[in-house]
Amino acid sequence: MKQQVLVLYLATSALDSKVVGWANYDGTGRTNPTTGDSDEPPYESGLHALHDGWRLFQASQLIPPYPGVEYDTSFMKHEFFFEKLES
């Protein structure tokens, strides 16, 4: 079995919110996706990825911002990791 990994950054912590960033990794070697190789996200939302057979295996923690840093630039906090297993 080989693993494909899909990382989706969503607008909010809800799986049905809009995809705002993404990355694909293909452990099968069938494709060679790279970050920024498409202007369109692979899915409209995380829920659409689930409907297409991707398995969710990690979601980021929901950490509230500290007072006074609500508008600072930082990491994309609504990150979800999905996988597909291929033989």
C-alpha atoms as a PDB file:
ATOM      1  CA  MET A   1       0.000   0.000   0.000  1.00  0.00           C
ATOM      2  CA  LYS A   2       1.195   3.510  -0.838  1.00  0.00           C
ATOM      3  CA  GLN A   3      -0.106   6.747   0.583  1.00  0.00           C
ATOM      4  CA  GLN A   4      -1.338   9.908  -1.089  1.00  0.00           C
ATOM      5  CA  VAL A   5      -1.577  12.972   1.161  1.00  0.00           C
ATOM      6  CA  LEU A   6      -3.729  16.043   0.641  1.00  0.00           C
ATOM      7  CA  VAL A   7      -3.313  19.105   2.880  1.00  0.00           C
ATOM      8  CA  LEU A   8      -6.202  21.572   2.799  1.00  0.00           C
ATOM      9  CA  TYR A   9      -6.238  24.961   4.490  1.00  0.00           C
ATOM     10  CA  LEU A  10      -9.839  26.044   5.046  1.00  0.00           C
ATOM     11  CA  ALA A  11     -11.383  29.463   5.668  1.00  0.00           C
ATOM     12  CA  THR A  12     -12.688  28.298   9.066  1.00  0.00           C
ATOM     13  CA  SER A  13     -12.438  25.246  11.312  1.00  0.00           C
ATOM     14  CA  ALA A  14     -15.574  23.722   9.708  1.00  0.00           C
ATOM     15  CA  LEU A  15     -14.923  20.952   7.172  1.00  0.00           C
ATOM     16  CA  ASP A  16     -17.558  22.415   4.865  1.00  0.00           C
ATOM     17  CA  SER A  17     -15.838  25.809   4.632  1.00  0.00           C
ATOM     18  CA  LYS A  18     -14.021  27.024   1.506  1.00  0.00           C
ATOM     19  CA  VAL A  19     -10.512  25.806   0.635  1.00  0.00           C
ATOM     20  CA  VAL A  20      -8.058  28.737   0.675  1.00  0.00           C
ATOM     21  CA  GLY A  21      -4.779  26.815   0.252  1.00  0.00           C
ATOM     22  CA  TRP A  22      -3.658  23.277  -0.507  1.00  0.00           C
ATOM     23  CA  ALA A  23      -0.774  20.890  -1.180  1.00  0.00           C
ATOM     24  CA  ASN A  24      -0.705  17.373  -2.666  1.00  0.00           C
ATOM     25  CA  TYR A  25       1.858  14.625  -2.130  1.00  0.00           C
ATOM     26  CA  ASP A  26       1.732  11.361  -4.080  1.00  0.00           C
ATOM     27  CA  GLY A  27       3.605   8.431  -2.548  1.00  0.00           C
ATOM     28  CA  THR A  28       2.516   6.184  -5.431  1.00  0.00           C
ATOM     29  CA  GLY A  29       4.812   8.031  -7.841  1.00  0.00           C
ATOM     30  CA  ARG A  30       2.040   8.243 -10.463  1.00  0.00           C
ATOM     31  CA  THR A  31       1.943  12.055 -10.302  1.00  0.00           C
ATOM     32  CA  ASN A  32       4.363  14.789  -9.287  1.00  0.00           C
ATOM     33  CA  PRO A  33       2.225  17.623  -7.912  1.00  0.00           C
ATOM     34  CA  THR A  34       3.950  20.725  -6.586  1.00  0.00           C
ATOM     35  CA  THR A  35       2.709  23.612  -4.500  1.00  0.00           C
ATOM     36  CA  GLY A  36       1.347  26.384  -6.697  1.00  0.00           C
ATOM     37  CA  ASP A  37       0.850  24.207  -9.777  1.00  0.00           C
ATOM     38  CA  SER A  38      -2.844  25.078 -10.014  1.00  0.00           C
ATOM     39  CA  ASP A  39      -4.989  28.167  -9.598  1.00  0.00           C
ATOM     40  CA  GLU A  40      -8.004  26.066  -8.633  1.00  0.00           C
ATOM     41  CA  PRO A  41      -8.174  24.015  -5.421  1.00  0.00           C
ATOM     42  CA  PRO A  42      -8.616  20.258  -5.840  1.00  0.00           C
ATOM     43  CA  TYR A  43     -11.858  20.455  -3.826  1.00  0.00           C
ATOM     44  CA  GLU A  44     -14.310  23.178  -2.870  1.00  0.00           C
ATOM     45  CA  SER A  45     -14.209  22.126   0.799  1.00  0.00           C
ATOM     46  CA  GLY A  46     -12.860  19.450   3.109  1.00  0.00           C
ATOM     47  CA  LEU A  47     -16.256  17.781   3.006  1.00  0.00           C
ATOM     48  CA  HIS A  48     -15.959  17.391  -0.771  1.00  0.00           C
ATOM     49  CA  ALA A  49     -12.629  15.613  -0.263  1.00  0.00           C
ATOM     50  CA  LEU A  50     -14.328  13.197   2.154  1.00  0.00           C
ATOM     51  CA  HIS A  51     -17.073  12.552  -0.406  1.00  0.00           C
ATOM     52  CA  ASP A  52     -14.357  11.653  -2.944  1.00  0.00           C
ATOM     53  CA  GLY A  53     -12.856   8.992  -0.676  1.00  0.00           C
ATOM     54  CA  TRP A  54     -10.107  10.917   1.149  1.00  0.00           C
ATOM     55  CA  ARG A  55      -9.749   9.962   4.814  1.00  0.00           C
ATOM     56  CA  LEU A  56      -9.239  12.743   7.342  1.00  0.00           C
ATOM     57  CA  PHE A  57      -6.405  11.895   9.728  1.00  0.00           C
ATOM     58  CA  GLN A  58      -5.438  15.206  11.308  1.00  0.00           C
ATOM     59  CA  ALA A  59      -6.965  18.598  11.975  1.00  0.00           C
ATOM     60  CA  SER A  60      -5.219  21.537  13.588  1.00  0.00           C
ATOM     61  CA  GLN A  61      -5.983  22.523  17.165  1.00  0.00           C
ATOM     62  CA  LEU A  62      -8.321  25.430  17.676  1.00  0.00           C
ATOM     63  CA  ILE A  63      -6.173  27.920  19.558  1.00  0.00           C
ATOM     64  CA  PRO A  64      -7.641  31.357  20.254  1.00  0.00           C
ATOM     65  CA  PRO A  65      -5.388  34.346  19.538  1.00  0.00           C
ATOM     66  CA  TYR A  66      -3.714  36.051  22.459  1.00  0.00           C
ATOM     67  CA  PRO A  67      -5.110  39.501  23.277  1.00  0.00           C
ATOM     68  CA  GLY A  68      -3.428  42.135  21.149  1.00  0.00           C
ATOM     69  CA  VAL A  69      -2.249  39.793  18.356  1.00  0.00           C
ATOM     70  CA  GLU A  70      -5.579  39.111  16.644  1.00  0.00           C
ATOM     71  CA  TYR A  71      -4.413  40.733  13.404  1.00  0.00           C
ATOM     72  CA  ASP A  72      -0.789  39.530  13.274  1.00  0.00           C
ATOM     73  CA  THR A  73       0.293  37.378  10.334  1.00  0.00           C
ATOM     74  CA  SER A  74       1.041  33.777  11.287  1.00  0.00           C
ATOM     75  CA  PHE A  75       0.548  30.194  10.099  1.00  0.00           C
ATOM     76  CA  MET A  76      -2.686  29.106   8.431  1.00  0.00           C
ATOM     77  CA  LYS A  77      -4.506  27.680  11.405  1.00  0.00           C
ATOM     78  CA  HIS A  78      -7.351  25.704   9.795  1.00  0.00           C
ATOM     79  CA  GLU A  79      -5.180  22.922   8.371  1.00  0.00           C
ATOM     80  CA  PHE A  80      -6.562  19.464   7.578  1.00  0.00           C
ATOM     81  CA  PHE A  81      -4.582  16.399   6.440  1.00  0.00           C
ATOM     82  CA  PHE A  82      -6.278  13.747   4.311  1.00  0.00           C
ATOM     83  CA  GLU A  83      -4.982  10.459   2.904  1.00  0.00           C
ATOM     84  CA  LYS A  84      -5.826   7.853   0.298  1.00  0.00           C
ATOM     85  CA  LEU A  85      -4.207   4.426   0.265  1.00  0.00           C
ATOM     86  CA  GLU A  86      -3.431   2.891  -3.123  1.00  0.00           C
ATOM     87  CA  SER A  87      -2.096  -0.538  -3.930  1.00  0.00           C
END
